[in-house]
């Protein structure tokens, strides 16, 4: 059976779709990554830095900006002796 134009076009579209998905995570624009990184929780920030060398470099070079943008951590401490509770606010520093 001879190929029609639409069959050839579909083959070309499939080939270009495959190329699009072969991009490395390290090649993502750092401005976009920075924006995403600043939206993460602290636990996710640690995971973010483990994706690849490029992301780790971005995370480490902007660690102080990330930490400064986080709210303080509130920890409530209960003491059984007099049933008083104290609230402490801690600023996370890496």
PDB file of N, CA and C in Angstrom:
ATOM      1  N   UNK A   1       0.836  -1.170   0.000  1.00  0.00           N
ATOM      2  CA  UNK A   1       0.000   0.000   0.000  1.00  0.00           C
ATOM      3  C   UNK A   1       0.884   1.237   0.000  1.00  0.00           C
ATOM      4  N   UNK A   2       0.596   2.179  -0.833  1.00  0.00           N
ATOM      5  CA  UNK A   2       1.377   3.411  -0.935  1.00  0.00           C
ATOM      6  C   UNK A   2       1.033   4.343   0.225  1.00  0.00           C
ATOM      7  N   UNK A   3       2.035   5.080   0.680  1.00  0.00           N
ATOM      8  CA  UNK A   3       1.814   6.028   1.771  1.00  0.00           C
ATOM      9  C   UNK A   3       1.078   7.257   1.255  1.00  0.00           C
ATOM     10  N   UNK A   4       0.136   7.696   2.038  1.00  0.00           N
ATOM     11  CA  UNK A   4      -0.566   8.939   1.704  1.00  0.00           C
ATOM     12  C   UNK A   4       0.102  10.079   2.446  1.00  0.00           C
ATOM     13  N   UNK A   5      -0.272  11.299   2.098  1.00  0.00           N
ATOM     14  CA  UNK A   5       0.297  12.461   2.795  1.00  0.00           C
ATOM     15  C   UNK A   5      -0.017  12.434   4.283  1.00  0.00           C
ATOM     16  N   UNK A   6      -1.242  12.066   4.610  1.00  0.00           N
ATOM     17  CA  UNK A   6      -1.614  12.057   6.028  1.00  0.00           C
ATOM     18  C   UNK A   6      -0.822  11.000   6.804  1.00  0.00           C
ATOM     19  N   UNK A   7      -0.523   9.866   6.180  1.00  0.00           N
ATOM     20  CA  UNK A   7       0.280   8.840   6.851  1.00  0.00           C
ATOM     21  C   UNK A   7       1.691   9.353   7.099  1.00  0.00           C
ATOM     22  N   UNK A   8       2.271  10.022   6.105  1.00  0.00           N
ATOM     23  CA  UNK A   8       3.615  10.580   6.250  1.00  0.00           C
ATOM     24  C   UNK A   8       3.623  11.667   7.318  1.00  0.00           C
ATOM     25  N   UNK A   9       2.588  12.523   7.313  1.00  0.00           N
ATOM     26  CA  UNK A   9       2.493  13.600   8.298  1.00  0.00           C
ATOM     27  C   UNK A   9       2.385  13.012   9.702  1.00  0.00           C
ATOM     28  N   UNK A  10       1.587  11.966   9.880  1.00  0.00           N
ATOM     29  CA  UNK A  10       1.450  11.325  11.188  1.00  0.00           C
ATOM     30  C   UNK A  10       2.774  10.731  11.656  1.00  0.00           C
ATOM     31  N   UNK A  11       3.527  10.137  10.750  1.00  0.00           N
ATOM     32  CA  UNK A  11       4.840   9.592  11.105  1.00  0.00           C
ATOM     33  C   UNK A  11       5.778  10.708  11.540  1.00  0.00           C
ATOM     34  N   UNK A  12       5.749  11.828  10.825  1.00  0.00           N
ATOM     35  CA  UNK A  12       6.596  12.970  11.183  1.00  0.00           C
ATOM     36  C   UNK A  12       6.183  13.549  12.530  1.00  0.00           C
ATOM     37  N   UNK A  13       4.875  13.650  12.782  1.00  0.00           N
ATOM     38  CA  UNK A  13       4.386  14.149  14.068  1.00  0.00           C
ATOM     39  C   UNK A  13       4.824  13.236  15.202  1.00  0.00           C
ATOM     40  N   UNK A  14       4.733  11.930  14.989  1.00  0.00           N
ATOM     41  CA  UNK A  14       5.156  10.980  16.017  1.00  0.00           C
ATOM     42  C   UNK A  14       6.652  11.089  16.294  1.00  0.00           C
ATOM     43  N   UNK A  15       7.446  11.275  15.258  1.00  0.00           N
ATOM     44  CA  UNK A  15       8.896  11.419  15.425  1.00  0.00           C
ATOM     45  C   UNK A  15       9.215  12.693  16.194  1.00  0.00           C
ATOM     46  N   UNK A  16       8.531  13.793  15.886  1.00  0.00           N
ATOM     47  CA  UNK A  16       8.806  15.051  16.592  1.00  0.00           C
ATOM     48  C   UNK A  16       8.328  14.977  18.036  1.00  0.00           C
ATOM     49  N   UNK A  17       7.239  14.251  18.309  1.00  0.00           N
ATOM     50  CA  UNK A  17       6.772  14.083  19.684  1.00  0.00           C
ATOM     51  C   UNK A  17       7.786  13.308  20.511  1.00  0.00           C
ATOM     52  N   UNK A  18       8.406  12.298  19.932  1.00  0.00           N
ATOM     53  CA  UNK A  18       9.417  11.521  20.648  1.00  0.00           C
ATOM     54  C   UNK A  18      10.604  12.403  21.012  1.00  0.00           C
ATOM     55  N   UNK A  19      11.023  13.274  20.106  1.00  0.00           N
ATOM     56  CA  UNK A  19      12.158  14.154  20.369  1.00  0.00           C
ATOM     57  C   UNK A  19      11.837  15.126  21.499  1.00  0.00           C
ATOM     58  N   UNK A  20      10.594  15.585  21.573  1.00  0.00           N
ATOM     59  CA  UNK A  20      10.202  16.537  22.594  1.00  0.00           C
ATOM     60  C   UNK A  20      10.337  15.960  23.995  1.00  0.00           C
ATOM     61  N   UNK A  21      10.098  14.684  24.163  1.00  0.00           N
ATOM     62  CA  UNK A  21      10.116  14.069  25.473  1.00  0.00           C
ATOM     63  C   UNK A  21      11.488  13.548  25.882  1.00  0.00           C
ATOM     64  N   UNK A  22      12.485  13.728  25.057  1.00  0.00           N
ATOM     65  CA  UNK A  22      13.820  13.251  25.380  1.00  0.00           C
ATOM     66  C   UNK A  22      14.681  14.326  26.031  1.00  0.00           C
ATOM     67  N   UNK A  23      14.098  15.456  26.392  1.00  0.00           N
ATOM     68  CA  UNK A  23      14.833  16.536  27.023  1.00  0.00           C
ATOM     69  C   UNK A  23      15.245  16.131  28.438  1.00  0.00           C
ATOM     70  N   UNK A  24      16.454  16.476  28.808  1.00  0.00           N
ATOM     71  CA  UNK A  24      16.970  16.162  30.135  1.00  0.00           C
ATOM     72  C   UNK A  24      16.387  17.126  31.170  1.00  0.00           C
ATOM     73  N   UNK A  25      16.200  16.633  32.394  1.00  0.00           N
ATOM     74  CA  UNK A  25      15.725  17.498  33.475  1.00  0.00           C
ATOM     75  C   UNK A  25      16.709  18.638  33.721  1.00  0.00           C
ATOM     76  N   UNK A  26      17.967  18.411  33.475  1.00  0.00           N
ATOM     77  CA  UNK A  26      18.990  19.430  33.701  1.00  0.00           C
ATOM     78  C   UNK A  26      18.866  20.594  32.728  1.00  0.00           C
ATOM     79  N   UNK A  27      18.158  20.398  31.619  1.00  0.00           N
ATOM     80  CA  UNK A  27      18.041  21.436  30.598  1.00  0.00           C
ATOM     81  C   UNK A  27      16.885  22.402  30.817  1.00  0.00           C
ATOM     82  N   UNK A  28      16.098  22.208  31.868  1.00  0.00           N
ATOM     83  CA  UNK A  28      14.970  23.105  32.121  1.00  0.00           C
ATOM     84  C   UNK A  28      15.508  24.480  32.516  1.00  0.00           C
ATOM     85  N   UNK A  29      14.861  25.519  32.021  1.00  0.00           N
ATOM     86  CA  UNK A  29      15.262  26.903  32.272  1.00  0.00           C
ATOM     87  C   UNK A  29      15.377  27.167  33.779  1.00  0.00           C
ATOM     88  N   UNK A  30      16.488  27.739  34.204  1.00  0.00           N
ATOM     89  CA  UNK A  30      16.731  27.961  35.632  1.00  0.00           C
ATOM     90  C   UNK A  30      15.811  29.014  36.230  1.00  0.00           C
ATOM     91  N   UNK A  31      15.336  29.964  35.434  1.00  0.00           N
ATOM     92  CA  UNK A  31      14.379  30.945  35.953  1.00  0.00           C
ATOM     93  C   UNK A  31      13.072  30.260  36.337  1.00  0.00           C
ATOM     94  N   UNK A  32      12.638  29.324  35.510  1.00  0.00           N
ATOM     95  CA  UNK A  32      11.421  28.557  35.804  1.00  0.00           C
ATOM     96  C   UNK A  32      11.652  27.684  37.034  1.00  0.00           C
ATOM     97  N   UNK A  33      12.797  27.025  37.093  1.00  0.00           N
ATOM     98  CA  UNK A  33      13.114  26.175  38.245  1.00  0.00           C
ATOM     99  C   UNK A  33      13.167  26.979  39.539  1.00  0.00           C
ATOM    100  N   UNK A  34      13.732  28.179  39.474  1.00  0.00           N
ATOM    101  CA  UNK A  34      13.811  29.024  40.668  1.00  0.00           C
ATOM    102  C   UNK A  34      12.406  29.354  41.166  1.00  0.00           C
ATOM    103  N   UNK A  35      11.517  29.715  40.243  1.00  0.00           N
ATOM    104  CA  UNK A  35      10.138  30.029  40.620  1.00  0.00           C
ATOM    105  C   UNK A  35       9.475  28.823  41.279  1.00  0.00           C
ATOM    106  N   UNK A  36       9.638  27.653  40.699  1.00  0.00           N
ATOM    107  CA  UNK A  36       9.055  26.429  41.258  1.00  0.00           C
ATOM    108  C   UNK A  36       9.675  26.128  42.618  1.00  0.00           C
ATOM    109  N   UNK A  37      10.985  26.236  42.710  1.00  0.00           N
ATOM    110  CA  UNK A  37      11.697  25.944  43.954  1.00  0.00           C
ATOM    111  C   UNK A  37      11.196  26.812  45.108  1.00  0.00           C
ATOM    112  N   UNK A  38      10.911  28.073  44.827  1.00  0.00           N
ATOM    113  CA  UNK A  38      10.481  28.990  45.881  1.00  0.00           C
ATOM    114  C   UNK A  38       9.066  28.676  46.382  1.00  0.00           C
ATOM    115  N   UNK A  39       8.331  27.836  45.670  1.00  0.00           N
ATOM    116  CA  UNK A  39       6.979  27.450  46.091  1.00  0.00           C
ATOM    117  C   UNK A  39       6.973  26.170  46.930  1.00  0.00           C
ATOM    118  N   UNK A  40       8.122  25.514  47.050  1.00  0.00           N
ATOM    119  CA  UNK A  40       8.195  24.208  47.707  1.00  0.00           C
ATOM    120  C   UNK A  40       8.195  24.312  49.223  1.00  0.00           C
ATOM    121  N   UNK A  41       7.823  23.201  49.865  1.00  0.00           N
ATOM    122  CA  UNK A  41       7.997  23.071  51.311  1.00  0.00           C
ATOM    123  C   UNK A  41       9.457  22.687  51.563  1.00  0.00           C
ATOM    124  N   UNK A  42       9.900  22.803  52.795  1.00  0.00           N
ATOM    125  CA  UNK A  42      11.302  22.524  53.133  1.00  0.00           C
ATOM    126  C   UNK A  42      11.674  21.084  52.763  1.00  0.00           C
ATOM    127  N   UNK A  43      10.812  20.131  53.069  1.00  0.00           N
ATOM    128  CA  UNK A  43      11.089  18.726  52.750  1.00  0.00           C
ATOM    129  C   UNK A  43      11.234  18.549  51.239  1.00  0.00           C
ATOM    130  N   UNK A  44      10.367  19.202  50.477  1.00  0.00           N
ATOM    131  CA  UNK A  44      10.423  19.090  49.019  1.00  0.00           C
ATOM    132  C   UNK A  44      11.662  19.783  48.456  1.00  0.00           C
ATOM    133  N   UNK A  45      12.108  20.837  49.124  1.00  0.00           N
ATOM    134  CA  UNK A  45      13.331  21.535  48.709  1.00  0.00           C
ATOM    135  C   UNK A  45      14.523  20.584  48.765  1.00  0.00           C
ATOM    136  N   UNK A  46      14.581  19.784  49.809  1.00  0.00           N
ATOM    137  CA  UNK A  46      15.669  18.806  49.952  1.00  0.00           C
ATOM    138  C   UNK A  46      15.599  17.788  48.815  1.00  0.00           C
ATOM    139  N   UNK A  47      14.407  17.313  48.504  1.00  0.00           N
ATOM    140  CA  UNK A  47      14.233  16.367  47.395  1.00  0.00           C
ATOM    141  C   UNK A  47      14.571  17.021  46.056  1.00  0.00           C
ATOM    142  N   UNK A  48      14.192  18.271  45.886  1.00  0.00           N
ATOM    143  CA  UNK A  48      14.470  19.039  44.667  1.00  0.00           C
ATOM    144  C   UNK A  48      15.970  19.057  44.391  1.00  0.00           C
ATOM    145  N   UNK A  49      16.746  19.252  45.443  1.00  0.00           N
ATOM    146  CA  UNK A  49      18.197  19.343  45.264  1.00  0.00           C
ATOM    147  C   UNK A  49      18.830  18.004  44.892  1.00  0.00           C
ATOM    148  N   UNK A  50      18.077  16.920  45.001  1.00  0.00           N
ATOM    149  CA  UNK A  50      18.609  15.608  44.668  1.00  0.00           C
ATOM    150  C   UNK A  50      18.268  15.111  43.271  1.00  0.00           C
ATOM    151  N   UNK A  51      17.586  15.930  42.466  1.00  0.00           N
ATOM    152  CA  UNK A  51      17.171  15.478  41.132  1.00  0.00           C
ATOM    153  C   UNK A  51      18.366  15.298  40.210  1.00  0.00           C
ATOM    154  N   UNK A  52      19.213  16.304  40.115  1.00  0.00           N
ATOM    155  CA  UNK A  52      20.396  16.227  39.252  1.00  0.00           C
ATOM    156  C   UNK A  52      21.393  17.295  39.705  1.00  0.00           C
ATOM    157  N   UNK A  53      22.589  17.282  39.139  1.00  0.00           N
ATOM    158  CA  UNK A  53      23.636  18.230  39.532  1.00  0.00           C
ATOM    159  C   UNK A  53      23.217  19.675  39.289  1.00  0.00           C
ATOM    160  N   UNK A  54      22.552  19.914  38.176  1.00  0.00           N
ATOM    161  CA  UNK A  54      22.121  21.263  37.827  1.00  0.00           C
ATOM    162  C   UNK A  54      21.126  21.807  38.859  1.00  0.00           C
ATOM    163  N   UNK A  55      20.163  20.980  39.254  1.00  0.00           N
ATOM    164  CA  UNK A  55      19.158  21.409  40.231  1.00  0.00           C
ATOM    165  C   UNK A  55      19.800  21.574  41.609  1.00  0.00           C
ATOM    166  N   UNK A  56      20.749  20.707  41.942  1.00  0.00           N
ATOM    167  CA  UNK A  56      21.434  20.828  43.236  1.00  0.00           C
ATOM    168  C   UNK A  56      22.214  22.130  43.306  1.00  0.00           C
ATOM    169  N   UNK A  57      22.879  22.468  42.220  1.00  0.00           N
ATOM    170  CA  UNK A  57      23.629  23.714  42.163  1.00  0.00           C
ATOM    171  C   UNK A  57      22.704  24.915  42.351  1.00  0.00           C
ATOM    172  N   UNK A  58      21.561  24.895  41.686  1.00  0.00           N
ATOM    173  CA  UNK A  58      20.584  25.979  41.819  1.00  0.00           C
ATOM    174  C   UNK A  58      20.068  26.067  43.252  1.00  0.00           C
ATOM    175  N   UNK A  59      19.751  24.927  43.843  1.00  0.00           N
ATOM    176  CA  UNK A  59      19.227  24.904  45.211  1.00  0.00           C
ATOM    177  C   UNK A  59      20.263  25.416  46.209  1.00  0.00           C
ATOM    178  N   UNK A  60      21.501  24.955  46.087  1.00  0.00           N
ATOM    179  CA  UNK A  60      22.537  25.372  47.034  1.00  0.00           C
ATOM    180  C   UNK A  60      22.885  26.848  46.897  1.00  0.00           C
ATOM    181  N   UNK A  61      22.888  27.351  45.672  1.00  0.00           N
ATOM    182  CA  UNK A  61      23.238  28.763  45.479  1.00  0.00           C
ATOM    183  C   UNK A  61      22.114  29.702  45.914  1.00  0.00           C
ATOM    184  N   UNK A  62      20.900  29.185  46.065  1.00  0.00           N
ATOM    185  CA  UNK A  62      19.762  30.013  46.484  1.00  0.00           C
ATOM    186  C   UNK A  62      19.163  29.557  47.808  1.00  0.00           C
ATOM    187  N   UNK A  63      19.914  28.764  48.550  1.00  0.00           N
ATOM    188  CA  UNK A  63      19.422  28.214  49.815  1.00  0.00           C
ATOM    189  C   UNK A  63      19.027  29.301  50.809  1.00  0.00           C
ATOM    190  N   UNK A  64      19.832  30.342  50.935  1.00  0.00           N
ATOM    191  CA  UNK A  64      19.515  31.393  51.907  1.00  0.00           C
ATOM    192  C   UNK A  64      18.251  32.158  51.514  1.00  0.00           C
ATOM    193  N   UNK A  65      18.036  32.381  50.225  1.00  0.00           N
ATOM    194  CA  UNK A  65      16.800  33.041  49.772  1.00  0.00           C
ATOM    195  C   UNK A  65      15.588  32.173  50.078  1.00  0.00           C
ATOM    196  N   UNK A  66      15.743  30.871  49.865  1.00  0.00           N
ATOM    197  CA  UNK A  66      14.637  29.949  50.125  1.00  0.00           C
ATOM    198  C   UNK A  66      14.292  29.940  51.612  1.00  0.00           C
ATOM    199  N   UNK A  67      15.290  29.782  52.456  1.00  0.00           N
ATOM    200  CA  UNK A  67      15.060  29.713  53.904  1.00  0.00           C
ATOM    201  C   UNK A  67      14.483  31.029  54.420  1.00  0.00           C
ATOM    202  N   UNK A  68      14.978  32.157  53.918  1.00  0.00           N
ATOM    203  CA  UNK A  68      14.469  33.462  54.360  1.00  0.00           C
ATOM    204  C   UNK A  68      13.004  33.654  53.986  1.00  0.00           C
ATOM    205  N   UNK A  69      12.545  32.977  52.952  1.00  0.00           N
ATOM    206  CA  UNK A  69      11.158  33.135  52.508  1.00  0.00           C
ATOM    207  C   UNK A  69      10.182  32.246  53.288  1.00  0.00           C
ATOM    208  N   UNK A  70      10.693  31.348  54.131  1.00  0.00           N
ATOM    209  CA  UNK A  70       9.833  30.442  54.900  1.00  0.00           C
ATOM    210  C   UNK A  70       9.383  31.113  56.191  1.00  0.00           C
ATOM    211  N   UNK A  71       8.149  30.850  56.629  1.00  0.00           N
ATOM    212  CA  UNK A  71       7.702  31.370  57.929  1.00  0.00           C
ATOM    213  C   UNK A  71       8.383  30.597  59.056  1.00  0.00           C
ATOM    214  N   UNK A  72       8.438  31.187  60.248  1.00  0.00           N
ATOM    215  CA  UNK A  72       9.025  30.456  61.379  1.00  0.00           C
ATOM    216  C   UNK A  72       8.212  29.198  61.682  1.00  0.00           C
ATOM    217  N   UNK A  73       8.868  28.223  62.270  1.00  0.00           N
ATOM    218  CA  UNK A  73       8.197  26.980  62.645  1.00  0.00           C
ATOM    219  C   UNK A  73       7.673  27.140  64.068  1.00  0.00           C
ATOM    220  N   UNK A  74       6.408  26.859  64.267  1.00  0.00           N
ATOM    221  CA  UNK A  74       5.796  26.965  65.590  1.00  0.00           C
ATOM    222  C   UNK A  74       5.817  25.593  66.256  1.00  0.00           C
ATOM    223  N   UNK A  75       6.359  25.556  67.477  1.00  0.00           N
ATOM    224  CA  UNK A  75       6.405  24.302  68.229  1.00  0.00           C
ATOM    225  C   UNK A  75       5.775  24.550  69.598  1.00  0.00           C
ATOM    226  N   UNK A  76       4.781  23.768  69.944  1.00  0.00           N
ATOM    227  CA  UNK A  76       4.123  23.893  71.239  1.00  0.00           C
ATOM    228  C   UNK A  76       4.710  22.833  72.168  1.00  0.00           C
ATOM    229  N   UNK A  77       5.139  23.267  73.338  1.00  0.00           N
ATOM    230  CA  UNK A  77       5.760  22.362  74.302  1.00  0.00           C
ATOM    231  C   UNK A  77       4.832  22.243  75.508  1.00  0.00           C
ATOM    232  N   UNK A  78       4.468  21.018  75.852  1.00  0.00           N
ATOM    233  CA  UNK A  78       3.621  20.777  77.016  1.00  0.00           C
ATOM    234  C   UNK A  78       4.480  20.223  78.145  1.00  0.00           C
ATOM    235  N   UNK A  79       4.324  20.808  79.319  1.00  0.00           N
ATOM    236  CA  UNK A  79       5.051  20.343  80.497  1.00  0.00           C
ATOM    237  C   UNK A  79       4.024  19.753  81.456  1.00  0.00           C
ATOM    238  N   UNK A  80       4.203  18.496  81.846  1.00  0.00           N
ATOM    239  CA  UNK A  80       3.220  17.792  82.676  1.00  0.00           C
ATOM    240  C   UNK A  80       3.158  18.301  84.114  1.00  0.00           C
ATOM    241  N   UNK A  81       4.234  18.884  84.613  1.00  0.00           N
ATOM    242  CA  UNK A  81       4.286  19.277  86.023  1.00  0.00           C
ATOM    243  C   UNK A  81       3.163  20.239  86.399  1.00  0.00           C
ATOM    244  N   UNK A  82       3.062  21.334  85.685  1.00  0.00           N
ATOM    245  CA  UNK A  82       2.053  22.330  86.052  1.00  0.00           C
ATOM    246  C   UNK A  82       1.035  22.564  84.933  1.00  0.00           C
ATOM    247  N   UNK A  83       1.032  21.676  83.973  1.00  0.00           N
ATOM    248  CA  UNK A  83       0.111  21.722  82.843  1.00  0.00           C
ATOM    249  C   UNK A  83       0.155  23.054  82.090  1.00  0.00           C
ATOM    250  N   UNK A  84       1.295  23.678  82.102  1.00  0.00           N
ATOM    251  CA  UNK A  84       1.482  24.902  81.324  1.00  0.00           C
ATOM    252  C   UNK A  84       1.968  24.518  79.941  1.00  0.00           C
ATOM    253  N   UNK A  85       1.624  25.335  78.981  1.00  0.00           N
ATOM    254  CA  UNK A  85       2.200  25.092  77.664  1.00  0.00           C
ATOM    255  C   UNK A  85       2.853  26.370  77.172  1.00  0.00           C
ATOM    256  N   UNK A  86       3.941  26.163  76.505  1.00  0.00           N
ATOM    257  CA  UNK A  86       4.722  27.260  75.975  1.00  0.00           C
ATOM    258  C   UNK A  86       4.762  27.133  74.464  1.00  0.00           C
ATOM    259  N   UNK A  87       4.767  28.242  73.818  1.00  0.00           N
ATOM    260  CA  UNK A  87       4.849  28.219  72.362  1.00  0.00           C
ATOM    261  C   UNK A  87       6.172  28.851  71.950  1.00  0.00           C
ATOM    262  N   UNK A  88       6.954  28.128  71.211  1.00  0.00           N
ATOM    263  CA  UNK A  88       8.244  28.627  70.743  1.00  0.00           C
ATOM    264  C   UNK A  88       8.190  28.802  69.231  1.00  0.00           C
ATOM    265  N   UNK A  89       8.806  29.845  68.734  1.00  0.00           N
ATOM    266  CA  UNK A  89       8.912  30.051  67.296  1.00  0.00           C
ATOM    267  C   UNK A  89      10.371  29.922  66.909  1.00  0.00           C
ATOM    268  N   UNK A  90      10.631  29.024  66.001  1.00  0.00           N
ATOM    269  CA  UNK A  90      11.991  28.764  65.571  1.00  0.00           C
ATOM    270  C   UNK A  90      12.145  29.147  64.114  1.00  0.00           C
ATOM    271  N   UNK A  91      13.254  29.770  63.795  1.00  0.00           N
ATOM    272  CA  UNK A  91      13.558  30.085  62.403  1.00  0.00           C
ATOM    273  C   UNK A  91      14.537  29.041  61.917  1.00  0.00           C
ATOM    274  N   UNK A  92      14.146  28.328  60.850  1.00  0.00           N
ATOM    275  CA  UNK A  92      14.982  27.266  60.313  1.00  0.00           C
ATOM    276  C   UNK A  92      16.159  27.864  59.572  1.00  0.00           C
ATOM    277  N   UNK A  93      17.335  27.392  59.851  1.00  0.00           N
ATOM    278  CA  UNK A  93      18.523  27.850  59.147  1.00  0.00           C
ATOM    279  C   UNK A  93      19.336  26.660  58.677  1.00  0.00           C
ATOM    280  N   UNK A  94      19.763  26.721  57.423  1.00  0.00           N
ATOM    281  CA  UNK A  94      20.585  25.629  56.899  1.00  0.00           C
ATOM    282  C   UNK A  94      22.008  26.087  56.734  1.00  0.00           C
TER     283      UNK A  94
END
